[in-house]
């Protein structure tokens, strides 16, 4: 919310690494979910989709179906934003 995406991404990446080190898959998945959201806000759609897909898989592996569904919603939102931004860029280029 303070436009400190880089710092937040670095912190979440390190936290995710630490959670995985202690085999806390839920903590790692929550970090991946937040990191995916940040990447999406930065218009890094491919990275965001990859990160959210990892989080979704982790949530499913540990039986957190609601969290996995939330990842699906985020993935859908990112696909929509990516498609619209691509269409806008194509329109501007063709003008």
N, C-alpha and C. Protein backbone atom coordinates (compact mmCIF):
# COMPACT_ATOMS: atom_id res chain seq x y z
N UNK A 1 0.82 -1.20 0.00
CA UNK A 1 0.00 0.00 0.00
C UNK A 1 0.86 1.26 0.00
N UNK A 2 2.14 1.10 0.32
CA UNK A 2 3.04 2.24 0.33
C UNK A 2 3.92 2.25 -0.92
N UNK A 3 3.58 1.45 -1.91
CA UNK A 3 4.33 1.38 -3.17
C UNK A 3 5.77 0.92 -2.94
N UNK A 4 5.94 -0.02 -2.01
CA UNK A 4 7.26 -0.58 -1.73
C UNK A 4 7.25 -2.05 -2.16
N UNK A 5 6.92 -2.24 -3.43
CA UNK A 5 6.76 -3.60 -3.95
C UNK A 5 8.06 -4.41 -3.89
N UNK A 6 9.16 -3.79 -4.22
CA UNK A 6 10.43 -4.51 -4.25
C UNK A 6 10.78 -5.03 -2.86
N UNK A 7 10.67 -4.16 -1.86
CA UNK A 7 10.99 -4.57 -0.49
C UNK A 7 10.04 -5.67 -0.03
N UNK A 8 8.76 -5.51 -0.32
CA UNK A 8 7.78 -6.51 0.08
C UNK A 8 8.05 -7.84 -0.60
N UNK A 9 8.38 -7.80 -1.88
CA UNK A 9 8.68 -9.03 -2.62
C UNK A 9 9.89 -9.75 -2.04
N UNK A 10 10.92 -8.98 -1.71
CA UNK A 10 12.12 -9.58 -1.13
C UNK A 10 11.81 -10.22 0.23
N UNK A 11 11.03 -9.53 1.04
CA UNK A 11 10.68 -10.04 2.36
C UNK A 11 9.83 -11.31 2.25
N UNK A 12 8.87 -11.30 1.35
CA UNK A 12 8.02 -12.48 1.17
C UNK A 12 8.79 -13.66 0.61
N UNK A 13 9.71 -13.40 -0.30
CA UNK A 13 10.53 -14.47 -0.87
C UNK A 13 11.39 -15.11 0.22
N UNK A 14 11.97 -14.28 1.08
CA UNK A 14 12.79 -14.81 2.17
C UNK A 14 11.92 -15.57 3.18
N UNK A 15 10.76 -15.02 3.50
CA UNK A 15 9.86 -15.69 4.44
C UNK A 15 9.41 -17.04 3.87
N UNK A 16 9.10 -17.07 2.59
CA UNK A 16 8.70 -18.32 1.94
C UNK A 16 9.83 -19.34 2.04
N UNK A 17 11.04 -18.91 1.78
CA UNK A 17 12.20 -19.79 1.87
C UNK A 17 12.34 -20.36 3.29
N UNK A 18 12.16 -19.50 4.28
CA UNK A 18 12.27 -19.94 5.67
C UNK A 18 11.15 -20.92 6.04
N UNK A 19 9.94 -20.65 5.59
CA UNK A 19 8.83 -21.57 5.86
C UNK A 19 9.10 -22.95 5.25
N UNK A 20 9.62 -22.95 4.01
CA UNK A 20 9.92 -24.23 3.38
C UNK A 20 11.04 -24.95 4.11
N UNK A 21 11.98 -24.20 4.63
CA UNK A 21 13.11 -24.79 5.36
C UNK A 21 12.62 -25.56 6.59
N UNK A 22 11.55 -25.06 7.22
CA UNK A 22 11.02 -25.74 8.41
C UNK A 22 9.79 -26.59 8.07
N UNK A 23 9.58 -26.82 6.79
CA UNK A 23 8.48 -27.67 6.29
C UNK A 23 7.10 -27.13 6.63
N UNK A 24 6.97 -25.81 6.70
CA UNK A 24 5.66 -25.18 6.95
C UNK A 24 5.07 -24.78 5.59
N UNK A 25 4.36 -25.73 4.99
CA UNK A 25 3.83 -25.52 3.65
C UNK A 25 2.75 -24.44 3.65
N UNK A 26 1.93 -24.39 4.69
CA UNK A 26 0.89 -23.36 4.76
C UNK A 26 1.52 -21.97 4.76
N UNK A 27 2.52 -21.75 5.59
CA UNK A 27 3.19 -20.44 5.61
C UNK A 27 3.80 -20.09 4.27
N UNK A 28 4.43 -21.08 3.64
CA UNK A 28 5.04 -20.85 2.32
C UNK A 28 3.97 -20.51 1.28
N UNK A 29 2.86 -21.22 1.33
CA UNK A 29 1.77 -20.97 0.37
C UNK A 29 1.18 -19.58 0.56
N UNK A 30 1.03 -19.17 1.81
CA UNK A 30 0.50 -17.82 2.08
C UNK A 30 1.47 -16.75 1.57
N UNK A 31 2.76 -16.98 1.72
CA UNK A 31 3.75 -16.04 1.17
C UNK A 31 3.68 -16.01 -0.35
N UNK A 32 3.54 -17.17 -0.96
CA UNK A 32 3.44 -17.24 -2.43
C UNK A 32 2.20 -16.50 -2.91
N UNK A 33 1.11 -16.67 -2.21
CA UNK A 33 -0.14 -15.98 -2.58
C UNK A 33 0.06 -14.47 -2.53
N UNK A 34 0.64 -13.97 -1.45
CA UNK A 34 0.86 -12.53 -1.31
C UNK A 34 1.86 -12.03 -2.36
N UNK A 35 2.89 -12.81 -2.61
CA UNK A 35 3.87 -12.44 -3.62
C UNK A 35 3.22 -12.38 -5.00
N UNK A 36 2.36 -13.34 -5.30
CA UNK A 36 1.64 -13.32 -6.57
C UNK A 36 0.77 -12.08 -6.72
N UNK A 37 0.13 -11.68 -5.63
CA UNK A 37 -0.69 -10.46 -5.67
C UNK A 37 0.16 -9.24 -5.97
N UNK A 38 1.33 -9.16 -5.33
CA UNK A 38 2.22 -8.02 -5.56
C UNK A 38 2.72 -8.00 -7.00
N UNK A 39 3.10 -9.15 -7.52
CA UNK A 39 3.57 -9.22 -8.91
C UNK A 39 2.46 -8.80 -9.87
N UNK A 40 1.24 -9.18 -9.57
CA UNK A 40 0.11 -8.76 -10.41
C UNK A 40 -0.08 -7.25 -10.38
N UNK A 41 0.07 -6.64 -9.19
CA UNK A 41 -0.06 -5.18 -9.08
C UNK A 41 1.03 -4.47 -9.86
N UNK A 42 2.16 -5.15 -10.05
CA UNK A 42 3.27 -4.57 -10.80
C UNK A 42 3.16 -4.88 -12.30
N UNK A 43 2.07 -5.48 -12.70
CA UNK A 43 1.84 -5.88 -14.10
C UNK A 43 2.84 -6.92 -14.58
N UNK A 44 3.37 -7.71 -13.66
CA UNK A 44 4.27 -8.82 -14.00
C UNK A 44 3.40 -10.08 -14.04
N UNK A 45 2.57 -10.15 -15.07
CA UNK A 45 1.50 -11.14 -15.11
C UNK A 45 2.00 -12.57 -15.21
N UNK A 46 3.04 -12.82 -15.98
CA UNK A 46 3.55 -14.18 -16.12
C UNK A 46 4.10 -14.67 -14.79
N UNK A 47 4.92 -13.85 -14.15
CA UNK A 47 5.48 -14.23 -12.85
C UNK A 47 4.38 -14.39 -11.80
N UNK A 48 3.41 -13.50 -11.84
CA UNK A 48 2.30 -13.58 -10.88
C UNK A 48 1.53 -14.88 -11.07
N UNK A 49 1.25 -15.24 -12.30
CA UNK A 49 0.51 -16.47 -12.59
C UNK A 49 1.29 -17.70 -12.12
N UNK A 50 2.59 -17.71 -12.39
CA UNK A 50 3.42 -18.84 -11.97
C UNK A 50 3.43 -18.97 -10.44
N UNK A 51 3.58 -17.85 -9.76
CA UNK A 51 3.65 -17.85 -8.29
C UNK A 51 2.31 -18.26 -7.68
N UNK A 52 1.23 -17.75 -8.23
CA UNK A 52 -0.10 -18.11 -7.72
C UNK A 52 -0.43 -19.57 -8.01
N UNK A 53 0.05 -20.09 -9.11
CA UNK A 53 -0.17 -21.50 -9.42
C UNK A 53 0.56 -22.39 -8.42
N UNK A 54 1.76 -21.99 -8.05
CA UNK A 54 2.51 -22.73 -7.02
C UNK A 54 1.75 -22.69 -5.70
N UNK A 55 1.28 -21.50 -5.32
CA UNK A 55 0.53 -21.36 -4.07
C UNK A 55 -0.73 -22.22 -4.11
N UNK A 56 -1.43 -22.19 -5.22
CA UNK A 56 -2.66 -22.98 -5.37
C UNK A 56 -2.37 -24.47 -5.17
N UNK A 57 -1.31 -24.94 -5.79
CA UNK A 57 -0.93 -26.35 -5.67
C UNK A 57 -0.59 -26.69 -4.22
N UNK A 58 0.14 -25.79 -3.56
CA UNK A 58 0.50 -26.03 -2.16
C UNK A 58 -0.74 -26.08 -1.27
N UNK A 59 -1.67 -25.15 -1.49
CA UNK A 59 -2.90 -25.15 -0.70
C UNK A 59 -3.68 -26.44 -0.92
N UNK A 60 -3.76 -26.89 -2.17
CA UNK A 60 -4.48 -28.13 -2.44
C UNK A 60 -3.80 -29.33 -1.79
N UNK A 61 -2.47 -29.34 -1.81
CA UNK A 61 -1.72 -30.45 -1.22
C UNK A 61 -1.98 -30.61 0.27
N UNK A 62 -2.26 -29.50 0.95
CA UNK A 62 -2.50 -29.58 2.39
C UNK A 62 -3.99 -29.48 2.75
N UNK A 63 -4.84 -29.51 1.73
CA UNK A 63 -6.28 -29.57 1.96
C UNK A 63 -6.96 -28.24 2.23
N UNK A 64 -6.33 -27.13 1.90
CA UNK A 64 -6.95 -25.81 2.07
C UNK A 64 -7.65 -25.41 0.76
N UNK A 65 -8.80 -26.00 0.55
CA UNK A 65 -9.51 -25.82 -0.71
C UNK A 65 -9.97 -24.38 -0.90
N UNK A 66 -10.42 -23.73 0.16
CA UNK A 66 -10.86 -22.33 0.04
C UNK A 66 -9.71 -21.43 -0.42
N UNK A 67 -8.55 -21.61 0.18
CA UNK A 67 -7.39 -20.80 -0.23
C UNK A 67 -6.99 -21.10 -1.68
N UNK A 68 -7.10 -22.36 -2.07
CA UNK A 68 -6.80 -22.73 -3.46
C UNK A 68 -7.79 -22.05 -4.40
N UNK A 69 -9.05 -22.00 -3.99
CA UNK A 69 -10.07 -21.34 -4.80
C UNK A 69 -9.79 -19.84 -4.90
N UNK A 70 -9.31 -19.25 -3.81
CA UNK A 70 -8.94 -17.83 -3.86
C UNK A 70 -7.80 -17.60 -4.84
N UNK A 71 -6.87 -18.53 -4.92
CA UNK A 71 -5.79 -18.43 -5.91
C UNK A 71 -6.37 -18.49 -7.33
N UNK A 72 -7.36 -19.36 -7.53
CA UNK A 72 -8.01 -19.46 -8.85
C UNK A 72 -8.64 -18.13 -9.23
N UNK A 73 -9.27 -17.48 -8.27
CA UNK A 73 -9.88 -16.17 -8.53
C UNK A 73 -8.81 -15.16 -8.91
N UNK A 74 -7.71 -15.16 -8.18
CA UNK A 74 -6.61 -14.23 -8.49
C UNK A 74 -6.03 -14.52 -9.89
N UNK A 75 -5.89 -15.80 -10.21
CA UNK A 75 -5.38 -16.17 -11.54
C UNK A 75 -6.32 -15.68 -12.63
N UNK A 76 -7.62 -15.79 -12.38
CA UNK A 76 -8.60 -15.30 -13.34
C UNK A 76 -8.49 -13.78 -13.50
N UNK A 77 -8.35 -13.07 -12.37
CA UNK A 77 -8.20 -11.61 -12.42
C UNK A 77 -6.96 -11.21 -13.21
N UNK A 78 -5.86 -11.93 -12.99
CA UNK A 78 -4.62 -11.62 -13.70
C UNK A 78 -4.77 -11.88 -15.19
N UNK A 79 -5.41 -12.98 -15.55
CA UNK A 79 -5.64 -13.27 -16.97
C UNK A 79 -6.47 -12.16 -17.61
N UNK A 80 -7.47 -11.68 -16.90
CA UNK A 80 -8.33 -10.60 -17.40
C UNK A 80 -7.52 -9.32 -17.58
N UNK A 81 -6.72 -8.95 -16.55
CA UNK A 81 -5.93 -7.73 -16.64
C UNK A 81 -4.91 -7.83 -17.76
N UNK A 82 -4.28 -8.98 -17.89
CA UNK A 82 -3.26 -9.17 -18.93
C UNK A 82 -3.88 -9.04 -20.32
N UNK A 83 -5.03 -9.66 -20.51
CA UNK A 83 -5.71 -9.60 -21.79
C UNK A 83 -6.11 -8.17 -22.11
N UNK A 84 -6.69 -7.46 -21.14
CA UNK A 84 -7.11 -6.08 -21.39
C UNK A 84 -5.93 -5.18 -21.65
N UNK A 85 -4.84 -5.33 -20.91
CA UNK A 85 -3.66 -4.49 -21.15
C UNK A 85 -3.06 -4.77 -22.51
N UNK A 86 -3.06 -6.02 -22.94
CA UNK A 86 -2.54 -6.37 -24.25
C UNK A 86 -3.41 -5.75 -25.34
N UNK A 87 -4.74 -5.81 -25.16
CA UNK A 87 -5.64 -5.23 -26.15
C UNK A 87 -5.48 -3.71 -26.22
N UNK A 88 -5.32 -3.05 -25.07
CA UNK A 88 -5.12 -1.61 -25.04
C UNK A 88 -3.81 -1.25 -25.74
N UNK A 89 -2.75 -2.00 -25.46
CA UNK A 89 -1.46 -1.73 -26.09
C UNK A 89 -1.56 -1.92 -27.60
N UNK A 90 -2.26 -2.96 -28.05
CA UNK A 90 -2.43 -3.19 -29.49
C UNK A 90 -3.21 -2.03 -30.13
N UNK A 91 -4.25 -1.57 -29.44
CA UNK A 91 -5.05 -0.46 -29.95
C UNK A 91 -4.23 0.80 -30.07
N UNK A 92 -3.42 1.08 -29.04
CA UNK A 92 -2.57 2.28 -29.09
C UNK A 92 -1.52 2.18 -30.18
N UNK A 93 -0.98 1.00 -30.37
CA UNK A 93 0.02 0.80 -31.40
C UNK A 93 -0.57 0.99 -32.80
N UNK A 94 -1.82 0.55 -32.96
CA UNK A 94 -2.47 0.64 -34.28
C UNK A 94 -2.97 2.04 -34.59
N UNK A 95 -3.03 2.92 -33.58
CA UNK A 95 -3.56 4.27 -33.79
C UNK A 95 -2.57 5.15 -34.50
